[in-house]
Amino acid sequence: MYSKEGEYVPFGDNFEFAGAVENYLCDLEVKVMNTLRDIAEAARATAESWDLENKRHYWLEDYNAQIALLITQIVWTEEVNRAFEELESGGEAAMKNYLVEIKNRIGFLITRVREDLSMELRIKIITIITIDVHERDVVSSFVDRKIDDMGSFAWQ
């Protein structure tokens, strides 16, 4: 698959356009969904090592923009939930610590975007920076307003 921006997503195996058009288009749709699901699952698994091996600002090169953005948002949601759980368990600085982590990740992405990059990678990084800044602002508002309950309206 190729996007209009030139991103390439491999199918993994061949797809044959055979038979009636209404049948093979349905089969193609299933193939696309299954391929993207498999890539997203692999991306989510490798995201576990952001802080250990393949830093996120390099990790995102391995995946198309939509998958990188999707997994980034899934991880952010899980990490915010984890910070709320830590707050509820008495870890008073959990959300503040997570805010520092978000700011560090944005800093690494800003450093990357200043490098000599392909237009495709530059756009991907800028998009993720934009989403990260919004996520930073949300977490910052939790810290500023001392929101420590996962069930708070501000979070839902």
N, C-alpha and C. Protein backbone atom coordinates (compact mmCIF):
# COMPACT_ATOMS: atom_id res chain seq x y z
N MET A 1 0.85 -1.17 0.00
CA MET A 1 0.00 0.00 0.00
C MET A 1 0.90 1.23 0.00
N TYR A 2 0.50 2.24 -0.75
CA TYR A 2 1.19 3.52 -0.77
C TYR A 2 0.19 4.62 -0.43
N SER A 3 0.61 5.52 0.44
CA SER A 3 -0.24 6.67 0.72
C SER A 3 0.03 7.75 -0.31
N LYS A 4 -0.81 8.75 -0.35
CA LYS A 4 -0.57 9.85 -1.29
C LYS A 4 0.69 10.62 -0.92
N GLU A 5 1.13 10.50 0.34
CA GLU A 5 2.37 11.15 0.78
C GLU A 5 3.60 10.32 0.44
N GLY A 6 3.38 9.11 -0.06
CA GLY A 6 4.49 8.26 -0.45
C GLY A 6 4.90 7.22 0.57
N GLU A 7 4.18 7.15 1.69
CA GLU A 7 4.51 6.11 2.67
C GLU A 7 4.14 4.75 2.10
N TYR A 8 4.95 3.78 2.44
CA TYR A 8 4.74 2.42 1.95
C TYR A 8 4.46 1.50 3.12
N VAL A 9 3.43 0.69 2.99
CA VAL A 9 3.09 -0.33 3.98
C VAL A 9 3.01 -1.66 3.23
N PRO A 10 3.91 -2.59 3.54
CA PRO A 10 3.90 -3.87 2.82
C PRO A 10 2.75 -4.76 3.29
N PHE A 11 2.22 -5.54 2.38
CA PHE A 11 1.17 -6.50 2.71
C PHE A 11 1.72 -7.73 3.43
N GLY A 12 2.96 -8.02 3.27
CA GLY A 12 3.51 -9.21 3.91
C GLY A 12 3.50 -10.41 3.00
N ASP A 13 2.44 -10.57 2.25
CA ASP A 13 2.38 -11.61 1.22
C ASP A 13 1.55 -11.06 0.06
N ASN A 14 1.55 -11.76 -1.02
CA ASN A 14 0.88 -11.27 -2.21
C ASN A 14 -0.63 -11.29 -2.07
N PHE A 15 -1.25 -10.36 -2.75
CA PHE A 15 -2.70 -10.32 -2.83
C PHE A 15 -3.07 -10.45 -4.30
N GLU A 16 -4.02 -11.32 -4.59
CA GLU A 16 -4.40 -11.56 -5.97
C GLU A 16 -5.77 -10.95 -6.25
N PHE A 17 -5.81 -10.11 -7.26
CA PHE A 17 -7.06 -9.53 -7.71
C PHE A 17 -7.69 -10.51 -8.70
N ALA A 18 -8.54 -11.36 -8.18
CA ALA A 18 -9.14 -12.39 -9.03
C ALA A 18 -10.64 -12.47 -8.75
N GLY A 19 -11.38 -12.86 -9.76
CA GLY A 19 -12.81 -13.03 -9.60
C GLY A 19 -13.56 -11.73 -9.81
N ALA A 20 -14.77 -11.71 -9.29
CA ALA A 20 -15.63 -10.54 -9.44
C ALA A 20 -15.08 -9.37 -8.62
N VAL A 21 -15.18 -8.19 -9.18
CA VAL A 21 -14.62 -7.01 -8.54
C VAL A 21 -15.20 -6.80 -7.13
N GLU A 22 -16.50 -7.03 -6.95
CA GLU A 22 -17.11 -6.84 -5.63
C GLU A 22 -16.56 -7.82 -4.60
N ASN A 23 -16.10 -8.96 -5.05
CA ASN A 23 -15.49 -9.94 -4.13
C ASN A 23 -14.05 -9.57 -3.79
N TYR A 24 -13.24 -9.29 -4.80
CA TYR A 24 -11.85 -9.03 -4.49
C TYR A 24 -11.66 -7.68 -3.79
N LEU A 25 -12.56 -6.72 -3.99
CA LEU A 25 -12.46 -5.47 -3.23
C LEU A 25 -12.77 -5.69 -1.76
N CYS A 26 -13.73 -6.55 -1.47
CA CYS A 26 -14.01 -6.91 -0.07
C CYS A 26 -12.83 -7.65 0.54
N ASP A 27 -12.24 -8.56 -0.24
CA ASP A 27 -11.06 -9.29 0.23
C ASP A 27 -9.89 -8.33 0.46
N LEU A 28 -9.75 -7.35 -0.42
CA LEU A 28 -8.68 -6.35 -0.27
C LEU A 28 -8.88 -5.53 1.00
N GLU A 29 -10.12 -5.17 1.27
CA GLU A 29 -10.42 -4.41 2.48
C GLU A 29 -10.02 -5.20 3.72
N VAL A 30 -10.35 -6.47 3.76
CA VAL A 30 -9.98 -7.34 4.88
C VAL A 30 -8.46 -7.44 4.98
N LYS A 31 -7.79 -7.59 3.84
CA LYS A 31 -6.34 -7.69 3.81
C LYS A 31 -5.69 -6.43 4.38
N VAL A 32 -6.19 -5.27 4.00
CA VAL A 32 -5.67 -4.00 4.51
C VAL A 32 -5.85 -3.92 6.03
N MET A 33 -7.06 -4.23 6.50
CA MET A 33 -7.33 -4.17 7.94
C MET A 33 -6.44 -5.13 8.72
N ASN A 34 -6.31 -6.35 8.23
CA ASN A 34 -5.47 -7.34 8.91
C ASN A 34 -4.00 -6.93 8.92
N THR A 35 -3.54 -6.38 7.81
CA THR A 35 -2.16 -5.92 7.72
C THR A 35 -1.89 -4.80 8.72
N LEU A 36 -2.77 -3.81 8.75
CA LEU A 36 -2.59 -2.69 9.67
C LEU A 36 -2.70 -3.14 11.13
N ARG A 37 -3.60 -4.08 11.41
CA ARG A 37 -3.70 -4.61 12.76
C ARG A 37 -2.41 -5.29 13.18
N ASP A 38 -1.86 -6.12 12.30
CA ASP A 38 -0.62 -6.83 12.60
C ASP A 38 0.54 -5.86 12.83
N ILE A 39 0.62 -4.83 12.01
CA ILE A 39 1.68 -3.83 12.17
C ILE A 39 1.49 -3.07 13.48
N ALA A 40 0.24 -2.72 13.80
CA ALA A 40 -0.03 -2.01 15.05
C ALA A 40 0.34 -2.87 16.27
N GLU A 41 0.04 -4.15 16.20
CA GLU A 41 0.40 -5.04 17.31
C GLU A 41 1.91 -5.12 17.47
N ALA A 42 2.63 -5.20 16.37
CA ALA A 42 4.09 -5.23 16.43
C ALA A 42 4.63 -3.91 16.96
N ALA A 43 4.06 -2.80 16.52
CA ALA A 43 4.49 -1.48 16.98
C ALA A 43 4.24 -1.32 18.48
N ARG A 44 3.10 -1.80 18.93
CA ARG A 44 2.78 -1.69 20.36
C ARG A 44 3.77 -2.52 21.17
N ALA A 45 4.11 -3.69 20.69
CA ALA A 45 5.06 -4.54 21.41
C ALA A 45 6.44 -3.89 21.47
N THR A 46 6.88 -3.28 20.39
CA THR A 46 8.20 -2.65 20.40
C THR A 46 8.20 -1.34 21.18
N ALA A 47 7.04 -0.73 21.35
CA ALA A 47 6.96 0.52 22.12
C ALA A 47 7.30 0.28 23.59
N GLU A 48 7.20 -0.97 24.03
CA GLU A 48 7.55 -1.30 25.41
C GLU A 48 9.00 -0.98 25.73
N SER A 49 9.86 -0.92 24.70
CA SER A 49 11.29 -0.70 24.93
C SER A 49 11.73 0.73 24.63
N TRP A 50 10.78 1.68 24.53
CA TRP A 50 11.15 3.07 24.25
C TRP A 50 12.21 3.60 25.20
N ASP A 51 12.07 3.29 26.46
CA ASP A 51 12.99 3.85 27.45
C ASP A 51 14.25 3.02 27.61
N LEU A 52 14.29 1.85 27.00
CA LEU A 52 15.43 0.96 27.18
C LEU A 52 16.31 0.84 25.95
N GLU A 53 15.69 0.58 24.80
CA GLU A 53 16.46 0.28 23.59
C GLU A 53 16.23 1.32 22.51
N ASN A 54 15.18 1.15 21.77
CA ASN A 54 14.88 1.99 20.62
C ASN A 54 14.03 3.17 21.07
N LYS A 55 14.67 4.30 21.34
CA LYS A 55 13.95 5.48 21.81
C LYS A 55 12.84 5.86 20.84
N ARG A 56 11.76 6.39 21.38
CA ARG A 56 10.59 6.69 20.56
C ARG A 56 10.91 7.59 19.38
N HIS A 57 11.80 8.55 19.55
CA HIS A 57 12.11 9.48 18.46
C HIS A 57 12.87 8.80 17.32
N TYR A 58 13.35 7.57 17.53
CA TYR A 58 13.90 6.75 16.46
C TYR A 58 12.94 5.62 16.08
N TRP A 59 12.24 5.09 17.09
CA TRP A 59 11.26 4.02 16.89
C TRP A 59 10.25 4.37 15.80
N LEU A 60 9.79 5.62 15.79
CA LEU A 60 8.73 6.01 14.86
C LEU A 60 9.15 5.90 13.40
N GLU A 61 10.44 5.79 13.12
CA GLU A 61 10.90 5.60 11.74
C GLU A 61 10.48 4.24 11.19
N ASP A 62 10.26 3.28 12.07
CA ASP A 62 9.95 1.91 11.65
C ASP A 62 8.49 1.70 11.25
N TYR A 63 7.66 2.72 11.45
CA TYR A 63 6.22 2.55 11.22
C TYR A 63 5.67 3.74 10.43
N ASN A 64 4.61 3.47 9.68
CA ASN A 64 3.97 4.57 8.96
C ASN A 64 3.36 5.55 9.96
N ALA A 65 3.07 6.75 9.49
CA ALA A 65 2.66 7.84 10.37
C ALA A 65 1.43 7.50 11.20
N GLN A 66 0.40 6.92 10.60
CA GLN A 66 -0.83 6.64 11.34
C GLN A 66 -0.61 5.61 12.44
N ILE A 67 0.20 4.61 12.16
CA ILE A 67 0.48 3.59 13.18
C ILE A 67 1.32 4.21 14.30
N ALA A 68 2.34 4.98 13.95
CA ALA A 68 3.18 5.63 14.97
C ALA A 68 2.34 6.55 15.86
N LEU A 69 1.43 7.29 15.24
CA LEU A 69 0.57 8.20 15.99
C LEU A 69 -0.41 7.41 16.87
N LEU A 70 -1.00 6.38 16.33
CA LEU A 70 -1.94 5.54 17.09
C LEU A 70 -1.26 4.95 18.32
N ILE A 71 -0.11 4.34 18.13
CA ILE A 71 0.57 3.69 19.25
C ILE A 71 1.04 4.73 20.26
N THR A 72 1.49 5.88 19.79
CA THR A 72 1.88 6.96 20.70
C THR A 72 0.71 7.35 21.60
N GLN A 73 -0.48 7.45 21.03
CA GLN A 73 -1.65 7.84 21.82
C GLN A 73 -2.12 6.72 22.75
N ILE A 74 -2.00 5.49 22.31
CA ILE A 74 -2.34 4.36 23.18
C ILE A 74 -1.42 4.34 24.39
N VAL A 75 -0.12 4.49 24.13
CA VAL A 75 0.86 4.47 25.22
C VAL A 75 0.62 5.65 26.16
N TRP A 76 0.32 6.83 25.62
CA TRP A 76 0.05 7.98 26.47
C TRP A 76 -1.14 7.71 27.39
N THR A 77 -2.20 7.14 26.83
CA THR A 77 -3.38 6.83 27.64
C THR A 77 -3.04 5.84 28.74
N GLU A 78 -2.29 4.81 28.41
CA GLU A 78 -1.88 3.83 29.42
C GLU A 78 -1.00 4.46 30.49
N GLU A 79 -0.09 5.33 30.07
CA GLU A 79 0.81 5.95 31.04
C GLU A 79 0.09 6.94 31.94
N VAL A 80 -0.88 7.67 31.41
CA VAL A 80 -1.67 8.56 32.26
C VAL A 80 -2.48 7.74 33.25
N ASN A 81 -3.07 6.64 32.80
CA ASN A 81 -3.79 5.75 33.71
C ASN A 81 -2.87 5.25 34.82
N ARG A 82 -1.66 4.86 34.44
CA ARG A 82 -0.68 4.37 35.42
C ARG A 82 -0.33 5.47 36.43
N ALA A 83 -0.19 6.71 35.95
CA ALA A 83 0.11 7.82 36.85
C ALA A 83 -1.05 8.04 37.83
N PHE A 84 -2.28 7.94 37.34
CA PHE A 84 -3.43 8.07 38.24
C PHE A 84 -3.44 6.94 39.27
N GLU A 85 -3.13 5.74 38.84
CA GLU A 85 -3.08 4.61 39.77
C GLU A 85 -2.02 4.85 40.85
N GLU A 86 -0.87 5.37 40.45
CA GLU A 86 0.19 5.68 41.41
C GLU A 86 -0.26 6.77 42.37
N LEU A 87 -0.96 7.78 41.86
CA LEU A 87 -1.48 8.84 42.73
C LEU A 87 -2.44 8.27 43.76
N GLU A 88 -3.32 7.39 43.30
CA GLU A 88 -4.30 6.80 44.20
C GLU A 88 -3.66 5.88 45.23
N SER A 89 -2.46 5.39 44.90
CA SER A 89 -1.74 4.52 45.83
C SER A 89 -0.78 5.29 46.73
N GLY A 90 -0.82 6.61 46.65
CA GLY A 90 0.01 7.42 47.53
C GLY A 90 1.25 8.02 46.88
N GLY A 91 1.49 7.76 45.62
CA GLY A 91 2.64 8.34 44.92
C GLY A 91 2.34 9.77 44.52
N GLU A 92 2.58 10.70 45.40
CA GLU A 92 2.16 12.09 45.23
C GLU A 92 2.75 12.78 44.01
N ALA A 93 3.91 12.36 43.56
CA ALA A 93 4.58 13.03 42.44
C ALA A 93 4.39 12.31 41.11
N ALA A 94 3.53 11.32 41.05
CA ALA A 94 3.40 10.49 39.86
C ALA A 94 3.07 11.30 38.61
N MET A 95 2.09 12.18 38.71
CA MET A 95 1.68 12.95 37.53
C MET A 95 2.76 13.98 37.18
N LYS A 96 3.37 14.59 38.18
CA LYS A 96 4.46 15.54 37.92
C LYS A 96 5.63 14.83 37.23
N ASN A 97 5.95 13.64 37.69
CA ASN A 97 7.04 12.87 37.07
C ASN A 97 6.70 12.52 35.63
N TYR A 98 5.45 12.17 35.39
CA TYR A 98 5.05 11.84 34.03
C TYR A 98 5.10 13.07 33.14
N LEU A 99 4.75 14.23 33.67
CA LEU A 99 4.84 15.47 32.90
C LEU A 99 6.28 15.73 32.47
N VAL A 100 7.22 15.46 33.34
CA VAL A 100 8.64 15.61 32.99
C VAL A 100 9.00 14.67 31.85
N GLU A 101 8.52 13.43 31.90
CA GLU A 101 8.78 12.46 30.83
C GLU A 101 8.21 12.94 29.50
N ILE A 102 7.01 13.47 29.51
CA ILE A 102 6.40 13.98 28.29
C ILE A 102 7.24 15.12 27.71
N LYS A 103 7.67 16.04 28.57
CA LYS A 103 8.49 17.16 28.11
C LYS A 103 9.81 16.67 27.53
N ASN A 104 10.40 15.66 28.14
CA ASN A 104 11.64 15.10 27.61
C ASN A 104 11.42 14.50 26.22
N ARG A 105 10.33 13.77 26.06
CA ARG A 105 10.02 13.17 24.76
C ARG A 105 9.83 14.23 23.69
N ILE A 106 9.14 15.32 24.04
CA ILE A 106 8.97 16.42 23.09
C ILE A 106 10.33 17.01 22.73
N GLY A 107 11.18 17.17 23.72
CA GLY A 107 12.52 17.71 23.46
C GLY A 107 13.31 16.85 22.50
N PHE A 108 13.24 15.53 22.67
CA PHE A 108 13.95 14.63 21.76
C PHE A 108 13.40 14.75 20.33
N LEU A 109 12.08 14.87 20.20
CA LEU A 109 11.48 15.02 18.88
C LEU A 109 11.88 16.35 18.23
N ILE A 110 11.94 17.41 19.03
CA ILE A 110 12.36 18.71 18.50
C ILE A 110 13.80 18.63 18.00
N THR A 111 14.65 17.95 18.74
CA THR A 111 16.03 17.77 18.29
C THR A 111 16.07 17.01 16.98
N ARG A 112 15.27 15.97 16.86
CA ARG A 112 15.23 15.18 15.62
C ARG A 112 14.74 16.00 14.44
N VAL A 113 13.72 16.80 14.64
CA VAL A 113 13.13 17.54 13.52
C VAL A 113 14.09 18.61 12.99
N ARG A 114 15.10 18.96 13.76
CA ARG A 114 16.11 19.92 13.32
C ARG A 114 17.19 19.27 12.47
N GLU A 115 17.17 17.94 12.40
CA GLU A 115 18.15 17.20 11.61
C GLU A 115 17.76 17.21 10.14
N ASP A 116 18.66 16.74 9.31
CA ASP A 116 18.38 16.58 7.88
C ASP A 116 17.53 15.32 7.72
N LEU A 117 16.23 15.50 7.46
CA LEU A 117 15.29 14.38 7.39
C LEU A 117 14.56 14.41 6.05
N SER A 118 14.03 13.24 5.69
CA SER A 118 13.14 13.21 4.53
C SER A 118 11.88 14.01 4.88
N MET A 119 11.20 14.51 3.87
CA MET A 119 9.97 15.28 4.10
C MET A 119 8.94 14.42 4.82
N GLU A 120 8.85 13.15 4.43
CA GLU A 120 7.90 12.23 5.06
C GLU A 120 8.16 12.09 6.56
N LEU A 121 9.42 11.87 6.94
CA LEU A 121 9.76 11.72 8.36
C LEU A 121 9.57 13.02 9.11
N ARG A 122 9.92 14.13 8.48
CA ARG A 122 9.75 15.44 9.13
C ARG A 122 8.28 15.70 9.44
N ILE A 123 7.40 15.43 8.49
CA ILE A 123 5.96 15.63 8.70
C ILE A 123 5.46 14.71 9.81
N LYS A 124 5.93 13.46 9.82
CA LYS A 124 5.51 12.53 10.87
C LYS A 124 5.92 13.04 12.25
N ILE A 125 7.15 13.50 12.37
CA ILE A 125 7.64 13.98 13.67
C ILE A 125 6.88 15.24 14.08
N ILE A 126 6.67 16.15 13.17
CA ILE A 126 5.93 17.38 13.49
C ILE A 126 4.51 17.05 13.94
N THR A 127 3.88 16.10 13.30
CA THR A 127 2.53 15.68 13.69
C THR A 127 2.54 15.12 15.11
N ILE A 128 3.51 14.28 15.41
CA ILE A 128 3.58 13.69 16.75
C ILE A 128 3.93 14.75 17.79
N ILE A 129 4.78 15.71 17.43
CA ILE A 129 5.06 16.82 18.36
C ILE A 129 3.76 17.57 18.68
N THR A 130 2.95 17.83 17.66
CA THR A 130 1.69 18.55 17.86
C THR A 130 0.79 17.81 18.84
N ILE A 131 0.66 16.50 18.66
CA ILE A 131 -0.17 15.70 19.56
C ILE A 131 0.46 15.65 20.95
N ASP A 132 1.79 15.49 21.01
CA ASP A 132 2.48 15.46 22.31
C ASP A 132 2.28 16.76 23.09
N VAL A 133 2.30 17.89 22.39
CA VAL A 133 2.11 19.17 23.07
C VAL A 133 0.70 19.23 23.67
N HIS A 134 -0.28 18.76 22.93
CA HIS A 134 -1.63 18.71 23.48
C HIS A 134 -1.67 17.80 24.70
N GLU A 135 -1.06 16.63 24.59
CA GLU A 135 -1.04 15.68 25.72
C GLU A 135 -0.30 16.28 26.92
N ARG A 136 0.79 17.00 26.65
CA ARG A 136 1.52 17.68 27.72
C ARG A 136 0.62 18.69 28.42
N ASP A 137 -0.15 19.45 27.64
CA ASP A 137 -1.04 20.45 28.21
C ASP A 137 -2.13 19.80 29.07
N VAL A 138 -2.63 18.66 28.63
CA VAL A 138 -3.65 17.94 29.42
C VAL A 138 -3.06 17.50 30.75
N VAL A 139 -1.90 16.87 30.71
CA VAL A 139 -1.26 16.39 31.94
C VAL A 139 -0.86 17.57 32.82
N SER A 140 -0.39 18.65 32.21
CA SER A 140 -0.04 19.85 32.98
C SER A 140 -1.27 20.40 33.70
N SER A 141 -2.41 20.37 33.05
CA SER A 141 -3.64 20.85 33.70
C SER A 141 -4.02 19.94 34.87
N PHE A 142 -3.76 18.63 34.74
CA PHE A 142 -4.01 17.72 35.87
C PHE A 142 -3.15 18.11 37.05
N VAL A 143 -1.88 18.40 36.77
CA VAL A 143 -0.95 18.78 37.84
C VAL A 143 -1.37 20.10 38.44
N ASP A 144 -1.64 21.10 37.61
CA ASP A 144 -2.00 22.44 38.10
C ASP A 144 -3.29 22.42 38.91
N ARG A 145 -4.25 21.64 38.46
CA ARG A 145 -5.56 21.60 39.14
C ARG A 145 -5.62 20.52 40.21
N LYS A 146 -4.49 19.83 40.41
CA LYS A 146 -4.37 18.78 41.43
C LYS A 146 -5.43 17.68 41.25
N ILE A 147 -5.65 17.30 40.01
CA ILE A 147 -6.59 16.23 39.71
C ILE A 147 -5.88 14.92 39.98
N ASP A 148 -6.45 14.13 40.87
CA ASP A 148 -5.81 12.87 41.25
C ASP A 148 -6.76 11.68 41.16
N ASP A 149 -7.90 11.91 40.51
CA ASP A 149 -8.90 10.86 40.39
C ASP A 149 -9.10 10.52 38.92
N MET A 150 -8.88 9.28 38.56
CA MET A 150 -9.03 8.80 37.20
C MET A 150 -10.46 9.04 36.68
N GLY A 151 -11.44 9.09 37.56
CA GLY A 151 -12.83 9.28 37.17
C GLY A 151 -13.23 10.74 37.00
N SER A 152 -12.28 11.65 37.13
CA SER A 152 -12.57 13.07 37.01
C SER A 152 -13.07 13.39 35.61
N PHE A 153 -14.00 14.32 35.55
CA PHE A 153 -14.55 14.74 34.26
C PHE A 153 -13.47 15.28 33.33
N ALA A 154 -12.46 15.93 33.90
CA ALA A 154 -11.39 16.51 33.09
C ALA A 154 -10.63 15.45 32.32
N TRP A 155 -10.67 14.25 32.77
CA TRP A 155 -9.92 13.15 32.13
C TRP A 155 -10.80 12.41 31.13
N GLN A 156 -12.06 12.31 31.39
CA GLN A 156 -12.93 11.50 30.54
C GLN A 156 -13.36 12.19 29.30
